[in-house]
Protein backbone atom coordinates (compact mmCIF):
# COMPACT_ATOMS: atom_id res chain seq x y z
CA MET A 1 88.19 34.39 -97.60
CA ILE A 2 86.53 31.03 -96.90
CA ARG A 3 88.41 30.50 -93.65
CA THR A 4 87.85 34.09 -92.52
CA MET A 5 84.09 33.77 -92.99
CA ALA A 6 84.03 30.36 -91.29
CA ASP A 7 85.99 31.64 -88.25
CA ALA A 8 83.79 34.71 -87.93
CA ASN A 9 80.58 32.68 -88.27
CA PRO A 10 81.10 29.28 -86.63
CA LEU A 11 77.45 28.31 -87.19
CA TRP A 12 77.72 28.66 -90.94
CA GLY A 13 78.22 25.61 -93.06
CA ALA A 14 79.54 25.17 -96.57
CA PRO A 15 76.19 25.95 -98.29
CA ARG A 16 75.79 29.24 -96.43
CA ILE A 17 79.36 30.39 -97.11
CA HIS A 18 79.00 29.33 -100.75
CA GLY A 19 75.90 31.52 -101.08
CA GLU A 20 77.67 34.51 -99.52
CA LEU A 21 80.57 34.12 -101.96
CA LEU A 22 78.18 34.05 -104.89
CA LYS A 23 76.70 37.34 -103.69
CA LEU A 24 80.21 38.80 -103.70
CA GLY A 25 80.65 37.70 -107.31
CA LEU A 26 83.10 34.89 -106.55
CA GLU A 27 82.36 31.85 -108.70
CA VAL A 28 83.41 28.79 -106.72
CA SER A 29 81.81 25.40 -106.18
CA GLN A 30 80.33 24.33 -102.86
CA ALA A 31 82.69 21.33 -102.76
CA THR A 32 85.65 23.70 -102.88
CA VAL A 33 84.21 25.72 -100.00
CA GLY A 34 83.82 22.57 -97.93
CA LYS A 35 87.37 21.54 -98.76
CA TYR A 36 88.98 24.72 -97.46
CA MET A 37 86.76 25.27 -94.43
CA PRO A 38 88.68 24.83 -91.15
CA ARG A 39 87.99 21.70 -89.14
CA HIS A 40 87.09 22.57 -85.56
CA GLN A 41 88.40 20.14 -82.99
CA ARG A 42 85.56 18.91 -80.81
CA PRO A 43 86.19 17.28 -77.43
CA PRO A 44 85.41 13.56 -77.53
CA SER A 45 82.17 12.64 -75.81
CA GLN A 46 80.32 9.39 -75.28
CA THR A 47 77.14 8.61 -77.13
CA TRP A 48 73.71 8.53 -75.52
CA ARG A 49 73.64 4.73 -75.74
CA THR A 50 76.99 4.51 -73.96
CA PHE A 51 75.77 6.86 -71.23
CA LEU A 52 72.65 4.77 -70.60
CA THR A 53 74.71 1.57 -70.55
CA ASN A 54 77.17 2.97 -68.04
CA HIS A 55 74.46 4.32 -65.74
CA ALA A 56 71.77 1.67 -66.22
CA GLY A 57 72.25 0.39 -62.69
CA GLN A 58 71.53 3.86 -61.25
CA ILE A 59 68.43 4.81 -63.26
CA MET A 60 64.79 4.15 -62.44
CA ALA A 61 61.83 5.08 -64.63
CA ALA A 62 58.25 5.84 -63.60
CA ASP A 63 55.15 6.15 -65.71
CA PHE A 64 51.35 5.82 -65.64
CA PHE A 65 49.06 3.90 -67.97
CA VAL A 66 45.27 3.60 -68.09
CA VAL A 67 43.20 0.42 -67.90
CA PRO A 68 39.44 0.48 -68.66
CA THR A 69 37.15 -1.77 -66.62
CA ALA A 70 34.02 -3.73 -67.49
CA THR A 71 31.90 -0.94 -65.99
CA TYR A 72 33.57 1.74 -68.17
CA ARG A 73 35.66 3.13 -65.34
CA LEU A 74 39.28 4.09 -65.79
CA LEU A 75 41.98 2.73 -63.49
CA PHE A 76 45.49 4.20 -63.42
CA VAL A 77 48.53 2.00 -62.89
CA LEU A 78 51.86 3.39 -61.69
CA VAL A 79 54.92 1.42 -62.78
CA ILE A 80 58.46 2.02 -61.49
CA LEU A 81 61.08 0.15 -63.49
CA ALA A 82 64.78 -0.48 -62.88
CA HIS A 83 66.77 -0.07 -66.11
CA HIS A 84 69.55 -2.49 -65.22
CA ARG A 85 67.62 -5.80 -65.21
CA ARG A 86 64.26 -4.50 -66.53
CA ARG A 87 62.87 -5.27 -63.08
CA VAL A 88 59.55 -3.78 -62.02
CA VAL A 89 60.30 -2.61 -58.48
CA HIS A 90 56.84 -1.21 -57.75
CA VAL A 91 53.35 -1.25 -59.23
CA ALA A 92 50.23 0.38 -57.77
CA VAL A 93 46.62 0.80 -58.92
CA THR A 94 44.27 3.69 -58.19
CA ALA A 95 41.17 5.32 -59.61
CA HIS A 96 42.32 8.81 -58.60
CA PRO A 97 46.02 9.45 -59.38
CA THR A 98 46.46 12.62 -57.34
CA ALA A 99 49.76 14.14 -56.28
CA ALA A 100 49.01 13.23 -52.67
CA TRP A 101 48.62 9.56 -53.67
CA THR A 102 51.72 9.43 -55.89
CA ALA A 103 54.20 10.89 -53.38
CA PRO A 104 54.11 7.99 -50.85
CA GLN A 105 54.51 5.44 -53.67
CA LEU A 106 58.15 6.42 -54.04
CA ARG A 107 58.87 5.57 -50.41
CA GLU A 108 57.04 2.26 -50.76
CA ALA A 109 59.13 1.42 -53.82
CA PHE A 110 62.44 2.11 -52.01
CA PRO A 111 61.89 1.49 -48.30
CA GLY A 112 65.51 0.61 -47.52
CA ASP A 113 68.89 2.03 -48.47
CA GLU A 114 68.64 1.03 -52.14
CA VAL A 115 67.69 4.49 -53.36
CA PRO A 116 68.51 5.19 -57.04
CA PRO A 117 70.40 8.39 -57.89
CA TYR A 118 68.17 9.18 -60.89
CA LEU A 119 64.46 8.84 -61.66
CA ILE A 120 63.10 9.44 -65.17
CA ARG A 121 59.48 10.58 -65.43
CA ASP A 122 57.26 12.72 -67.60
CA ARG A 123 55.56 16.01 -66.75
CA ASP A 124 52.22 14.55 -65.67
CA HIS A 125 50.54 16.56 -62.90
CA ALA A 126 50.16 13.34 -60.90
CA PHE A 127 53.93 13.43 -60.32
CA ALA A 128 53.82 16.92 -58.86
CA GLY A 129 53.91 15.67 -55.27
CA MET A 130 56.81 13.32 -55.99
CA GLY A 131 59.38 16.12 -56.34
CA PRO A 132 59.77 17.02 -52.63
CA THR A 133 59.74 13.33 -51.68
CA ALA A 134 62.46 12.52 -54.22
CA THR A 135 64.57 15.45 -53.06
CA GLY A 136 64.29 14.32 -49.45
CA MET A 137 65.39 10.81 -50.43
CA GLY A 138 68.36 12.11 -52.43
CA ILE A 139 66.91 11.22 -55.83
CA GLN A 140 67.49 13.51 -58.79
CA GLU A 141 64.47 13.67 -61.08
CA ILE A 142 65.01 13.76 -64.84
CA LEU A 143 61.99 15.16 -66.67
CA THR A 144 61.32 14.18 -70.26
CA ALA A 145 60.38 16.76 -72.87
CA PRO A 146 56.67 17.46 -73.40
CA HIS A 147 54.91 14.93 -75.65
CA SER A 148 58.09 12.81 -75.94
CA PRO A 149 57.32 9.32 -74.62
CA TRP A 150 60.29 7.92 -76.51
CA GLN A 151 62.57 9.58 -73.94
CA ASN A 152 61.21 7.13 -71.36
CA ALA A 153 61.47 4.18 -73.70
CA TYR A 154 62.12 1.44 -71.13
CA ALA A 155 58.98 2.24 -69.15
CA GLU A 156 56.91 2.51 -72.33
CA ARG A 157 58.20 -0.85 -73.49
CA VAL A 158 57.32 -2.69 -70.28
CA ILE A 159 53.87 -1.08 -70.35
CA GLY A 160 53.42 -2.36 -73.90
CA SER A 161 54.43 -5.86 -72.78
CA ILE A 162 51.91 -5.77 -69.93
CA ARG A 163 49.17 -4.76 -72.34
CA ARG A 164 49.97 -7.23 -75.13
CA GLU A 165 50.73 -10.25 -72.95
CA CYS A 166 48.25 -9.75 -70.12
CA LEU A 167 45.62 -7.02 -70.09
CA ASP A 168 44.50 -7.49 -73.71
CA HIS A 169 43.34 -11.01 -72.76
CA VAL A 170 41.38 -10.37 -69.56
CA ILE A 171 38.41 -8.30 -68.42
CA VAL A 172 39.15 -6.03 -65.47
CA VAL A 173 36.32 -5.47 -62.99
CA ASN A 174 37.81 -3.36 -60.19
CA GLU A 175 41.03 -2.25 -58.55
CA ILE A 176 41.45 -5.41 -56.47
CA GLY A 177 41.08 -7.65 -59.49
CA LEU A 178 43.54 -5.60 -61.52
CA SER A 179 46.08 -5.70 -58.67
CA ARG A 180 45.81 -9.49 -58.50
CA ILE A 181 46.22 -9.84 -62.26
CA LEU A 182 49.30 -7.62 -62.30
CA THR A 183 50.81 -9.47 -59.33
CA ARG A 184 50.48 -12.80 -61.11
CA TYR A 185 51.80 -11.42 -64.39
CA LEU A 186 54.82 -9.78 -62.74
CA ALA A 187 55.68 -13.07 -61.05
CA TYR A 188 55.82 -14.62 -64.53
CA TYR A 189 57.61 -11.56 -65.93
CA HIS A 190 60.41 -11.66 -63.35
CA GLN A 191 60.96 -15.40 -63.15
CA SER A 192 60.14 -16.84 -66.58
CA ARG A 193 59.94 -14.19 -69.29
CA THR A 194 63.11 -13.83 -71.36
CA HIS A 195 64.53 -10.52 -72.65
CA LEU A 196 66.77 -10.03 -75.66
CA SER A 197 68.58 -7.19 -73.88
CA LEU A 198 69.42 -9.60 -71.03
CA ALA A 199 70.90 -12.24 -73.34
CA LYS A 200 67.55 -14.10 -73.29
CA ASP A 201 67.54 -14.23 -69.52
CA SER A 202 64.81 -13.23 -67.08
CA PRO A 203 65.05 -10.21 -64.73
CA HIS A 204 65.55 -12.55 -61.76
CA SER A 205 68.46 -14.48 -63.23
CA LEU A 206 68.96 -18.10 -62.29
CA CYS A 207 72.13 -18.94 -60.41
CA SER A 208 74.87 -20.93 -62.10
CA ALA A 209 74.05 -24.10 -60.14
CA GLU A 210 70.44 -23.89 -61.35
CA ARG A 211 71.61 -23.48 -64.94
CA THR A 212 73.96 -26.45 -64.92
CA ARG A 213 71.50 -28.82 -63.27
CA THR A 214 69.86 -31.25 -65.68
CA HIS A 215 66.10 -31.05 -65.75
CA VAL A 216 63.30 -32.49 -67.77
CA PHE A 217 60.91 -29.61 -68.33
CA ALA A 218 57.15 -29.98 -68.25
CA VAL A 219 54.57 -27.32 -68.98
CA THR A 220 52.44 -26.71 -65.91
CA ARG A 221 49.10 -25.01 -65.56
CA PRO A 222 49.54 -21.58 -67.17
CA PRO A 223 48.93 -18.49 -65.06
CA LEU A 224 46.34 -15.85 -65.88
CA ASN A 225 43.70 -18.25 -67.18
CA ASP A 226 45.82 -20.06 -69.78
CA ILE A 227 47.39 -16.91 -71.23
CA HIS A 228 51.00 -17.89 -70.57
CA GLY A 229 52.61 -21.26 -70.11
CA ALA A 230 55.35 -20.98 -67.55
CA VAL A 231 57.97 -23.68 -67.92
CA GLN A 232 58.88 -25.24 -64.60
CA PRO A 233 61.61 -27.84 -63.90
CA GLU A 234 60.55 -31.34 -63.10
CA SER A 235 62.78 -34.19 -61.99
CA ALA A 236 63.59 -36.89 -64.51
CA SER A 237 62.72 -39.63 -62.03
CA ARG A 238 59.14 -38.41 -61.66
CA ARG A 239 58.79 -38.20 -65.44
CA LEU A 240 59.84 -41.82 -65.72
CA ASP A 241 57.41 -42.73 -62.95
CA ILE A 242 54.61 -41.09 -64.92
CA VAL A 243 55.53 -43.05 -68.04
CA ARG A 244 55.69 -46.32 -66.08
CA GLY A 245 52.42 -45.58 -64.31
CA ARG A 246 53.91 -45.39 -60.81
CA ASP A 247 53.07 -41.78 -60.04
CA ASP A 248 50.82 -41.36 -57.00
CA ARG A 249 48.85 -38.53 -58.57
CA LEU A 250 47.73 -40.67 -61.53
CA THR A 251 44.75 -42.99 -61.41
CA PRO A 252 45.14 -46.54 -62.84
CA ALA A 253 43.15 -45.55 -65.91
CA SER A 254 45.23 -42.45 -66.61
CA SER A 255 48.46 -44.40 -66.01
CA ALA A 256 47.39 -46.93 -68.61
CA ARG A 257 46.63 -44.18 -71.11
CA VAL A 258 50.07 -42.66 -70.53
CA ARG A 259 51.76 -46.02 -71.09
CA ASP A 260 49.80 -46.62 -74.27
CA ARG A 261 50.65 -43.15 -75.55
CA GLU A 262 54.36 -43.79 -75.00
CA CYS A 263 54.23 -47.12 -76.82
CA LEU A 264 52.29 -46.06 -79.90
CA VAL A 265 54.44 -45.95 -83.03
CA PRO A 266 53.68 -43.41 -85.78
CA GLY A 267 52.44 -44.89 -89.01
CA SER A 268 50.30 -47.94 -89.51
CA HIS A 269 48.83 -49.33 -86.26
CA ALA A 270 47.89 -52.69 -87.70
CA GLY A 271 49.03 -55.30 -85.20
CA ALA A 272 50.15 -52.65 -82.71
CA ARG A 273 50.37 -53.61 -79.07
CA ASP A 274 50.40 -51.59 -75.89
CA CYS A 275 53.00 -51.77 -73.10
CA SER A 276 51.27 -54.73 -71.50
CA GLY A 277 51.57 -56.72 -74.72
CA SER A 278 47.84 -56.76 -75.49
CA PRO A 279 46.75 -55.96 -79.06
CA ILE A 280 45.21 -52.54 -79.57
CA ARG A 281 41.58 -52.76 -80.67
CA GLU A 282 40.29 -50.71 -83.58
CA GLY A 283 39.22 -47.33 -82.29
CA SER A 284 41.34 -47.54 -79.14
CA ILE A 285 44.00 -45.31 -80.69
CA GLY A 286 41.56 -42.40 -80.60
CA ASP A 287 40.73 -43.27 -77.03
CA VAL A 288 44.42 -43.14 -76.11
CA ALA A 289 44.83 -39.80 -77.88
CA ARG A 290 41.99 -38.41 -75.84
């Protein structure tokens, strides 16, 4: 009886069949029903994560986000992201995101032969003009479900990074200023920012020769008005020249302060001497620290 009902109603589970048996006056537990139900053989299929991993190099994602300005205007930013290396292939700013403006952005993002097979986007009306352009370029559009931003998770994540690490710390005045800010941030994002999904590498991965070369790293002037400190390689010889006071870009006074800073020993400074051998006067330690 259990198997007959299960074969005739493939959408029924053990609770439903158990309830039908109780209506027929058959006293049996639900566990027994589940035990004797036939097991339908399902064809093996890959998971969604496996599918995205296998096709990451062929998928692009596009999305808009809004940036308010100091004059209470709203600017719209279009971001096109490559899934494979989390690389932002195109970014554009406009105050009027019409379909006529969005359509040419796809050609600007892929001017050569590197056209992706798939493009993930939402159902925003601003993307309405992108459909014919994508079809002409041989791109298949994949539309997310309504009100489901999680289906375009990679684009949403990079937009969140742009907001948290950049736009939340600056005041945007106009389109030109926002374009300059995004250009500087994306240079940092591609060359210096690490990603856990890329094994703590940046989207523009360093070559093997660059990785194996020995460098002494020094923090340079951070981009975006001291928001981020990009770490740049610096030769060991120049670092030693700075310590010894032989760097051309240092004045004699600054060279002396660098030498004194290198020679100071933590702890008591009674009887301490600088690199020239002269005793350090009381109060000069604070001068060196400054």
